[in-house]
């Protein structure tokens, strides 16, 4: 709509407006994926892995960082197709 909402490098826009990263974990004996929002996903993943025990162990993990699409959604409140 012709308004400049933010300016900066891609890393700066992601840091300022992208929101938290998401850590997705799949454990043994669990159906579905555990999703954890985090501002420090590596530490979160290390904590989750260290808490393994008993019959529930991490078998897969992924970290999803913020994207330019999440920056756009945060700044405009609209999806790219709206």
PDB file of N, CA and C in Angstrom:
ATOM      1  N   UNK A   1       0.812  -1.201   0.000  1.00  0.00           N
ATOM      2  CA  UNK A   1       0.000   0.000   0.000  1.00  0.00           C
ATOM      3  C   UNK A   1       0.847   1.254   0.000  1.00  0.00           C
ATOM      4  N   UNK A   2       2.091   1.074  -0.423  1.00  0.00           N
ATOM      5  CA  UNK A   2       2.937   2.233  -0.602  1.00  0.00           C
ATOM      6  C   UNK A   2       3.619   2.768   0.645  1.00  0.00           C
ATOM      7  N   UNK A   3       3.605   2.011   1.750  1.00  0.00           N
ATOM      8  CA  UNK A   3       4.252   2.484   2.981  1.00  0.00           C
ATOM      9  C   UNK A   3       5.501   1.651   3.242  1.00  0.00           C
ATOM     10  N   UNK A   4       6.562   2.305   3.659  1.00  0.00           N
ATOM     11  CA  UNK A   4       7.766   1.608   4.074  1.00  0.00           C
ATOM     12  C   UNK A   4       7.599   1.236   5.544  1.00  0.00           C
ATOM     13  N   UNK A   5       7.544  -0.045   5.818  1.00  0.00           N
ATOM     14  CA  UNK A   5       7.306  -0.513   7.186  1.00  0.00           C
ATOM     15  C   UNK A   5       8.587  -0.861   7.933  1.00  0.00           C
ATOM     16  N   UNK A   6       9.615  -1.255   7.191  1.00  0.00           N
ATOM     17  CA  UNK A   6      10.885  -1.614   7.819  1.00  0.00           C
ATOM     18  C   UNK A   6      11.984  -1.510   6.779  1.00  0.00           C
ATOM     19  N   UNK A   7      13.194  -1.280   7.250  1.00  0.00           N
ATOM     20  CA  UNK A   7      14.333  -1.165   6.367  1.00  0.00           C
ATOM     21  C   UNK A   7      15.514  -1.811   7.065  1.00  0.00           C
ATOM     22  N   UNK A   8      16.353  -2.483   6.309  1.00  0.00           N
ATOM     23  CA  UNK A   8      17.542  -3.094   6.879  1.00  0.00           C
ATOM     24  C   UNK A   8      17.982  -4.280   6.057  1.00  0.00           C
ATOM     25  N   UNK A   9      19.072  -4.883   6.471  1.00  0.00           N
ATOM     26  CA  UNK A   9      19.562  -6.082   5.801  1.00  0.00           C
ATOM     27  C   UNK A   9      18.642  -7.254   6.129  1.00  0.00           C
ATOM     28  N   UNK A  10      18.735  -8.306   5.343  1.00  0.00           N
ATOM     29  CA  UNK A  10      17.896  -9.486   5.598  1.00  0.00           C
ATOM     30  C   UNK A  10      18.128 -10.030   7.005  1.00  0.00           C
ATOM     31  N   UNK A  11      19.383 -10.233   7.443  1.00  0.00           N
ATOM     32  CA  UNK A  11      19.574 -10.731   8.815  1.00  0.00           C
ATOM     33  C   UNK A  11      18.962  -9.811   9.876  1.00  0.00           C
ATOM     34  N   UNK A  12      19.059  -8.500   9.661  1.00  0.00           N
ATOM     35  CA  UNK A  12      18.499  -7.565  10.641  1.00  0.00           C
ATOM     36  C   UNK A  12      16.979  -7.625  10.657  1.00  0.00           C
ATOM     37  N   UNK A  13      16.350  -7.703   9.474  1.00  0.00           N
ATOM     38  CA  UNK A  13      14.887  -7.818   9.408  1.00  0.00           C
ATOM     39  C   UNK A  13      14.415  -9.103  10.076  1.00  0.00           C
ATOM     40  N   UNK A  14      15.124 -10.197   9.834  1.00  0.00           N
ATOM     41  CA  UNK A  14      14.757 -11.474  10.462  1.00  0.00           C
ATOM     42  C   UNK A  14      14.873 -11.392  11.977  1.00  0.00           C
ATOM     43  N   UNK A  15      15.950 -10.779  12.455  1.00  0.00           N
ATOM     44  CA  UNK A  15      16.157 -10.663  13.901  1.00  0.00           C
ATOM     45  C   UNK A  15      15.117  -9.757  14.550  1.00  0.00           C
ATOM     46  N   UNK A  16      14.779  -8.660  13.876  1.00  0.00           N
ATOM     47  CA  UNK A  16      13.879  -7.669  14.464  1.00  0.00           C
ATOM     48  C   UNK A  16      12.397  -8.029  14.342  1.00  0.00           C
ATOM     49  N   UNK A  17      12.019  -8.714  13.273  1.00  0.00           N
ATOM     50  CA  UNK A  17      10.595  -8.897  12.983  1.00  0.00           C
ATOM     51  C   UNK A  17      10.185 -10.329  12.643  1.00  0.00           C
ATOM     52  N   UNK A  18      11.130 -11.259  12.608  1.00  0.00           N
ATOM     53  CA  UNK A  18      10.818 -12.609  12.147  1.00  0.00           C
ATOM     54  C   UNK A  18      10.185 -13.515  13.174  1.00  0.00           C
ATOM     55  N   UNK A  19      10.297 -13.180  14.444  1.00  0.00           N
ATOM     56  CA  UNK A  19       9.751 -14.033  15.494  1.00  0.00           C
ATOM     57  C   UNK A  19      10.735 -15.117  15.889  1.00  0.00           C
ATOM     58  N   UNK A  20      10.321 -15.977  16.800  1.00  0.00           N
ATOM     59  CA  UNK A  20      11.227 -17.010  17.303  1.00  0.00           C
ATOM     60  C   UNK A  20      11.412 -18.145  16.299  1.00  0.00           C
ATOM     61  N   UNK A  21      12.468 -18.896  16.498  1.00  0.00           N
ATOM     62  CA  UNK A  21      12.663 -20.127  15.746  1.00  0.00           C
ATOM     63  C   UNK A  21      11.760 -21.195  16.343  1.00  0.00           C
ATOM     64  N   UNK A  22      11.554 -22.264  15.595  1.00  0.00           N
ATOM     65  CA  UNK A  22      10.755 -23.384  16.082  1.00  0.00           C
ATOM     66  C   UNK A  22      11.614 -24.643  16.017  1.00  0.00           C
ATOM     67  N   UNK A  23      11.691 -25.353  17.128  1.00  0.00           N
ATOM     68  CA  UNK A  23      12.395 -26.630  17.194  1.00  0.00           C
ATOM     69  C   UNK A  23      11.329 -27.719  17.135  1.00  0.00           C
ATOM     70  N   UNK A  24      11.444 -28.612  16.151  1.00  0.00           N
ATOM     71  CA  UNK A  24      10.520 -29.740  16.031  1.00  0.00           C
ATOM     72  C   UNK A  24      11.261 -31.010  16.415  1.00  0.00           C
ATOM     73  N   UNK A  25      10.680 -31.768  17.333  1.00  0.00           N
ATOM     74  CA  UNK A  25      11.321 -32.964  17.855  1.00  0.00           C
ATOM     75  C   UNK A  25      10.370 -34.147  17.716  1.00  0.00           C
ATOM     76  N   UNK A  26      10.907 -35.265  17.240  1.00  0.00           N
ATOM     77  CA  UNK A  26      10.157 -36.526  17.218  1.00  0.00           C
ATOM     78  C   UNK A  26      10.865 -37.464  18.177  1.00  0.00           C
ATOM     79  N   UNK A  27      10.078 -38.050  19.065  1.00  0.00           N
ATOM     80  CA  UNK A  27      10.632 -38.965  20.071  1.00  0.00           C
ATOM     81  C   UNK A  27      10.096 -40.370  19.865  1.00  0.00           C
ATOM     82  N   UNK A  28      10.848 -41.340  20.343  1.00  0.00           N
ATOM     83  CA  UNK A  28      10.362 -42.712  20.311  1.00  0.00           C
ATOM     84  C   UNK A  28       9.168 -42.837  21.240  1.00  0.00           C
ATOM     85  N   UNK A  29       8.222 -43.663  20.866  1.00  0.00           N
ATOM     86  CA  UNK A  29       7.045 -43.877  21.703  1.00  0.00           C
ATOM     87  C   UNK A  29       6.076 -42.712  21.699  1.00  0.00           C
ATOM     88  N   UNK A  30       6.230 -41.780  20.788  1.00  0.00           N
ATOM     89  CA  UNK A  30       5.377 -40.596  20.746  1.00  0.00           C
ATOM     90  C   UNK A  30       4.786 -40.464  19.346  1.00  0.00           C
ATOM     91  N   UNK A  31       3.506 -40.173  19.263  1.00  0.00           N
ATOM     92  CA  UNK A  31       2.915 -39.910  17.958  1.00  0.00           C
ATOM     93  C   UNK A  31       2.904 -38.410  17.733  1.00  0.00           C
ATOM     94  N   UNK A  32       3.288 -37.987  16.564  1.00  0.00           N
ATOM     95  CA  UNK A  32       3.298 -36.560  16.263  1.00  0.00           C
ATOM     96  C   UNK A  32       4.629 -35.927  16.600  1.00  0.00           C
ATOM     97  N   UNK A  33       4.662 -34.638  16.400  1.00  0.00           N
ATOM     98  CA  UNK A  33       5.877 -33.851  16.573  1.00  0.00           C
ATOM     99  C   UNK A  33       5.699 -32.845  17.698  1.00  0.00           C
ATOM    100  N   UNK A  34       6.688 -32.743  18.546  1.00  0.00           N
ATOM    101  CA  UNK A  34       6.692 -31.730  19.604  1.00  0.00           C
ATOM    102  C   UNK A  34       7.288 -30.458  19.004  1.00  0.00           C
ATOM    103  N   UNK A  35       6.582 -29.329  19.111  1.00  0.00           N
ATOM    104  CA  UNK A  35       7.050 -28.039  18.570  1.00  0.00           C
ATOM    105  C   UNK A  35       7.325 -27.094  19.737  1.00  0.00           C
ATOM    106  N   UNK A  36       8.539 -26.532  19.744  1.00  0.00           N
ATOM    107  CA  UNK A  36       8.948 -25.632  20.818  1.00  0.00           C
ATOM    108  C   UNK A  36       9.446 -24.334  20.189  1.00  0.00           C
ATOM    109  N   UNK A  37       8.812 -23.206  20.525  1.00  0.00           N
ATOM    110  CA  UNK A  37       9.294 -21.908  20.068  1.00  0.00           C
ATOM    111  C   UNK A  37      10.463 -21.488  20.956  1.00  0.00           C
ATOM    112  N   UNK A  38      11.499 -20.916  20.321  1.00  0.00           N
ATOM    113  CA  UNK A  38      12.692 -20.578  21.083  1.00  0.00           C
ATOM    114  C   UNK A  38      13.462 -19.437  20.426  1.00  0.00           C
ATOM    115  N   UNK A  39      14.036 -18.580  21.252  1.00  0.00           N
ATOM    116  CA  UNK A  39      14.929 -17.553  20.738  1.00  0.00           C
ATOM    117  C   UNK A  39      16.369 -18.072  20.678  1.00  0.00           C
ATOM    118  N   UNK A  40      16.622 -19.225  21.289  1.00  0.00           N
ATOM    119  CA  UNK A  40      17.932 -19.875  21.234  1.00  0.00           C
ATOM    120  C   UNK A  40      17.720 -21.356  20.914  1.00  0.00           C
ATOM    121  N   UNK A  41      17.452 -21.670  19.639  1.00  0.00           N
ATOM    122  CA  UNK A  41      17.054 -23.037  19.282  1.00  0.00           C
ATOM    123  C   UNK A  41      18.134 -24.084  19.514  1.00  0.00           C
ATOM    124  N   UNK A  42      19.389 -23.733  19.373  1.00  0.00           N
ATOM    125  CA  UNK A  42      20.453 -24.711  19.597  1.00  0.00           C
ATOM    126  C   UNK A  42      20.489 -25.124  21.065  1.00  0.00           C
ATOM    127  N   UNK A  43      20.375 -24.149  21.954  1.00  0.00           N
ATOM    128  CA  UNK A  43      20.352 -24.467  23.390  1.00  0.00           C
ATOM    129  C   UNK A  43      19.101 -25.285  23.744  1.00  0.00           C
ATOM    130  N   UNK A  44      17.968 -24.907  23.152  1.00  0.00           N
ATOM    131  CA  UNK A  44      16.728 -25.652  23.400  1.00  0.00           C
ATOM    132  C   UNK A  44      16.879 -27.096  22.962  1.00  0.00           C
ATOM    133  N   UNK A  45      17.440 -27.306  21.779  1.00  0.00           N
ATOM    134  CA  UNK A  45      17.634 -28.666  21.274  1.00  0.00           C
ATOM    135  C   UNK A  45      18.592 -29.447  22.165  1.00  0.00           C
ATOM    136  N   UNK A  46      19.653 -28.806  22.625  1.00  0.00           N
ATOM    137  CA  UNK A  46      20.604 -29.469  23.521  1.00  0.00           C
ATOM    138  C   UNK A  46      19.924 -29.855  24.831  1.00  0.00           C
ATOM    139  N   UNK A  47      19.071 -28.979  25.348  1.00  0.00           N
ATOM    140  CA  UNK A  47      18.344 -29.271  26.591  1.00  0.00           C
ATOM    141  C   UNK A  47      17.384 -30.436  26.401  1.00  0.00           C
ATOM    142  N   UNK A  48      16.678 -30.438  25.280  1.00  0.00           N
ATOM    143  CA  UNK A  48      15.733 -31.529  24.994  1.00  0.00           C
ATOM    144  C   UNK A  48      16.486 -32.844  24.858  1.00  0.00           C
ATOM    145  N   UNK A  49      17.593 -32.834  24.132  1.00  0.00           N
ATOM    146  CA  UNK A  49      18.375 -34.058  23.940  1.00  0.00           C
ATOM    147  C   UNK A  49      18.958 -34.563  25.256  1.00  0.00           C
ATOM    148  N   UNK A  50      19.383 -33.631  26.119  1.00  0.00           N
ATOM    149  CA  UNK A  50      19.960 -34.029  27.409  1.00  0.00           C
ATOM    150  C   UNK A  50      18.911 -34.603  28.343  1.00  0.00           C
ATOM    151  N   UNK A  51      17.642 -34.254  28.106  1.00  0.00           N
ATOM    152  CA  UNK A  51      16.584 -34.757  28.988  1.00  0.00           C
ATOM    153  C   UNK A  51      16.045 -36.104  28.536  1.00  0.00           C
ATOM    154  N   UNK A  52      16.657 -36.692  27.494  1.00  0.00           N
ATOM    155  CA  UNK A  52      16.243 -38.030  27.057  1.00  0.00           C
ATOM    156  C   UNK A  52      16.406 -39.008  28.211  1.00  0.00           C
ATOM    157  N   UNK A  53      15.500 -39.912  28.264  1.00  0.00           N
ATOM    158  CA  UNK A  53      15.610 -40.928  29.294  1.00  0.00           C
ATOM    159  C   UNK A  53      14.465 -41.907  29.188  1.00  0.00           C
ATOM    160  N   UNK A  54      14.655 -43.042  29.763  1.00  0.00           N
ATOM    161  CA  UNK A  54      13.590 -44.041  29.751  1.00  0.00           C
ATOM    162  C   UNK A  54      13.251 -44.478  28.340  1.00  0.00           C
ATOM    163  N   UNK A  55      11.972 -44.538  28.057  1.00  0.00           N
ATOM    164  CA  UNK A  55      11.532 -45.042  26.761  1.00  0.00           C
ATOM    165  C   UNK A  55      11.318 -43.934  25.740  1.00  0.00           C
ATOM    166  N   UNK A  56      11.604 -42.692  26.090  1.00  0.00           N
ATOM    167  CA  UNK A  56      11.382 -41.571  25.190  1.00  0.00           C
ATOM    168  C   UNK A  56      12.709 -40.925  24.818  1.00  0.00           C
ATOM    169  N   UNK A  57      13.189 -41.223  23.595  1.00  0.00           N
ATOM    170  CA  UNK A  57      14.449 -40.644  23.122  1.00  0.00           C
ATOM    171  C   UNK A  57      14.209 -39.869  21.844  1.00  0.00           C
ATOM    172  N   UNK A  58      14.977 -38.811  21.639  1.00  0.00           N
ATOM    173  CA  UNK A  58      14.870 -38.019  20.419  1.00  0.00           C
ATOM    174  C   UNK A  58      15.414 -38.852  19.263  1.00  0.00           C
ATOM    175  N   UNK A  59      14.586 -39.014  18.218  1.00  0.00           N
ATOM    176  CA  UNK A  59      15.033 -39.739  17.027  1.00  0.00           C
ATOM    177  C   UNK A  59      15.205 -38.805  15.834  1.00  0.00           C
ATOM    178  N   UNK A  60      14.592 -37.619  15.901  1.00  0.00           N
ATOM    179  CA  UNK A  60      14.701 -36.654  14.814  1.00  0.00           C
ATOM    180  C   UNK A  60      14.440 -35.257  15.365  1.00  0.00           C
ATOM    181  N   UNK A  61      15.173 -34.287  14.832  1.00  0.00           N
ATOM    182  CA  UNK A  61      14.967 -32.900  15.258  1.00  0.00           C
ATOM    183  C   UNK A  61      15.270 -31.974  14.088  1.00  0.00           C
ATOM    184  N   UNK A  62      14.487 -30.902  13.993  1.00  0.00           N
ATOM    185  CA  UNK A  62      14.688 -29.879  12.967  1.00  0.00           C
ATOM    186  C   UNK A  62      14.515 -28.509  13.597  1.00  0.00           C
ATOM    187  N   UNK A  63      15.278 -27.556  13.110  1.00  0.00           N
ATOM    188  CA  UNK A  63      15.144 -26.171  13.553  1.00  0.00           C
ATOM    189  C   UNK A  63      14.678 -25.354  12.359  1.00  0.00           C
ATOM    190  N   UNK A  64      13.574 -24.636  12.544  1.00  0.00           N
ATOM    191  CA  UNK A  64      13.048 -23.754  11.514  1.00  0.00           C
ATOM    192  C   UNK A  64      13.210 -22.318  12.003  1.00  0.00           C
ATOM    193  N   UNK A  65      14.040 -21.554  11.328  1.00  0.00           N
ATOM    194  CA  UNK A  65      14.239 -20.160  11.683  1.00  0.00           C
ATOM    195  C   UNK A  65      13.211 -19.275  11.012  1.00  0.00           C
ATOM    196  N   UNK A  66      13.150 -18.026  11.404  1.00  0.00           N
ATOM    197  CA  UNK A  66      12.226 -17.094  10.771  1.00  0.00           C
ATOM    198  C   UNK A  66      12.575 -16.901   9.301  1.00  0.00           C
ATOM    199  N   UNK A  67      11.579 -16.531   8.505  1.00  0.00           N
ATOM    200  CA  UNK A  67      11.756 -16.312   7.070  1.00  0.00           C
ATOM    201  C   UNK A  67      11.302 -14.902   6.709  1.00  0.00           C
ATOM    202  N   UNK A  68      11.595 -14.487   5.500  1.00  0.00           N
ATOM    203  CA  UNK A  68      11.108 -13.189   5.050  1.00  0.00           C
ATOM    204  C   UNK A  68       9.584 -13.178   4.991  1.00  0.00           C
ATOM    205  N   UNK A  69       8.978 -14.325   4.747  1.00  0.00           N
ATOM    206  CA  UNK A  69       7.511 -14.387   4.778  1.00  0.00           C
ATOM    207  C   UNK A  69       6.989 -14.107   6.185  1.00  0.00           C
ATOM    208  N   UNK A  70       7.643 -14.654   7.215  1.00  0.00           N
ATOM    209  CA  UNK A  70       7.186 -14.379   8.584  1.00  0.00           C
ATOM    210  C   UNK A  70       7.398 -12.901   8.935  1.00  0.00           C
ATOM    211  N   UNK A  71       8.444 -12.282   8.391  1.00  0.00           N
ATOM    212  CA  UNK A  71       8.651 -10.837   8.587  1.00  0.00           C
ATOM    213  C   UNK A  71       7.494 -10.070   7.955  1.00  0.00           C
ATOM    214  N   UNK A  72       7.147 -10.425   6.725  1.00  0.00           N
ATOM    215  CA  UNK A  72       6.048  -9.764   6.016  1.00  0.00           C
ATOM    216  C   UNK A  72       4.742  -9.901   6.795  1.00  0.00           C
ATOM    217  N   UNK A  73       4.448 -11.114   7.253  1.00  0.00           N
ATOM    218  CA  UNK A  73       3.212 -11.343   8.008  1.00  0.00           C
ATOM    219  C   UNK A  73       3.191 -10.526   9.292  1.00  0.00           C
ATOM    220  N   UNK A  74       4.318 -10.471   9.975  1.00  0.00           N
ATOM    221  CA  UNK A  74       4.396  -9.709  11.228  1.00  0.00           C
ATOM    222  C   UNK A  74       4.158  -8.215  10.984  1.00  0.00           C
ATOM    223  N   UNK A  75       4.776  -7.695   9.940  1.00  0.00           N
ATOM    224  CA  UNK A  75       4.689  -6.259   9.678  1.00  0.00           C
ATOM    225  C   UNK A  75       3.346  -5.826   9.098  1.00  0.00           C
ATOM    226  N   UNK A  76       2.738  -6.681   8.278  1.00  0.00           N
ATOM    227  CA  UNK A  76       1.507  -6.284   7.582  1.00  0.00           C
ATOM    228  C   UNK A  76       0.250  -6.908   8.153  1.00  0.00           C
ATOM    229  N   UNK A  77       0.409  -8.047   8.844  1.00  0.00           N
ATOM    230  CA  UNK A  77      -0.774  -8.767   9.333  1.00  0.00           C
ATOM    231  C   UNK A  77      -1.516  -9.467   8.215  1.00  0.00           C
ATOM    232  N   UNK A  78      -0.885  -9.562   7.047  1.00  0.00           N
ATOM    233  CA  UNK A  78      -1.532 -10.169   5.883  1.00  0.00           C
ATOM    234  C   UNK A  78      -0.640 -11.253   5.309  1.00  0.00           C
ATOM    235  N   UNK A  79      -1.249 -12.267   4.698  1.00  0.00           N
ATOM    236  CA  UNK A  79      -0.456 -13.270   3.996  1.00  0.00           C
ATOM    237  C   UNK A  79      -0.087 -12.727   2.631  1.00  0.00           C
ATOM    238  N   UNK A  80       0.811 -13.387   1.957  1.00  0.00           N
ATOM    239  CA  UNK A  80       1.258 -12.944   0.645  1.00  0.00           C
ATOM    240  C   UNK A  80       0.142 -13.012  -0.384  1.00  0.00           C
ATOM    241  N   UNK A  81      -0.890 -13.806  -0.161  1.00  0.00           N
ATOM    242  CA  UNK A  81      -1.971 -13.973  -1.116  1.00  0.00           C
ATOM    243  C   UNK A  81      -3.206 -13.120  -0.796  1.00  0.00           C
ATOM    244  N   UNK A  82      -3.232 -12.429   0.336  1.00  0.00           N
ATOM    245  CA  UNK A  82      -4.392 -11.604   0.696  1.00  0.00           C
ATOM    246  C   UNK A  82      -4.559 -10.438  -0.259  1.00  0.00           C
TER     247      UNK A  82
END
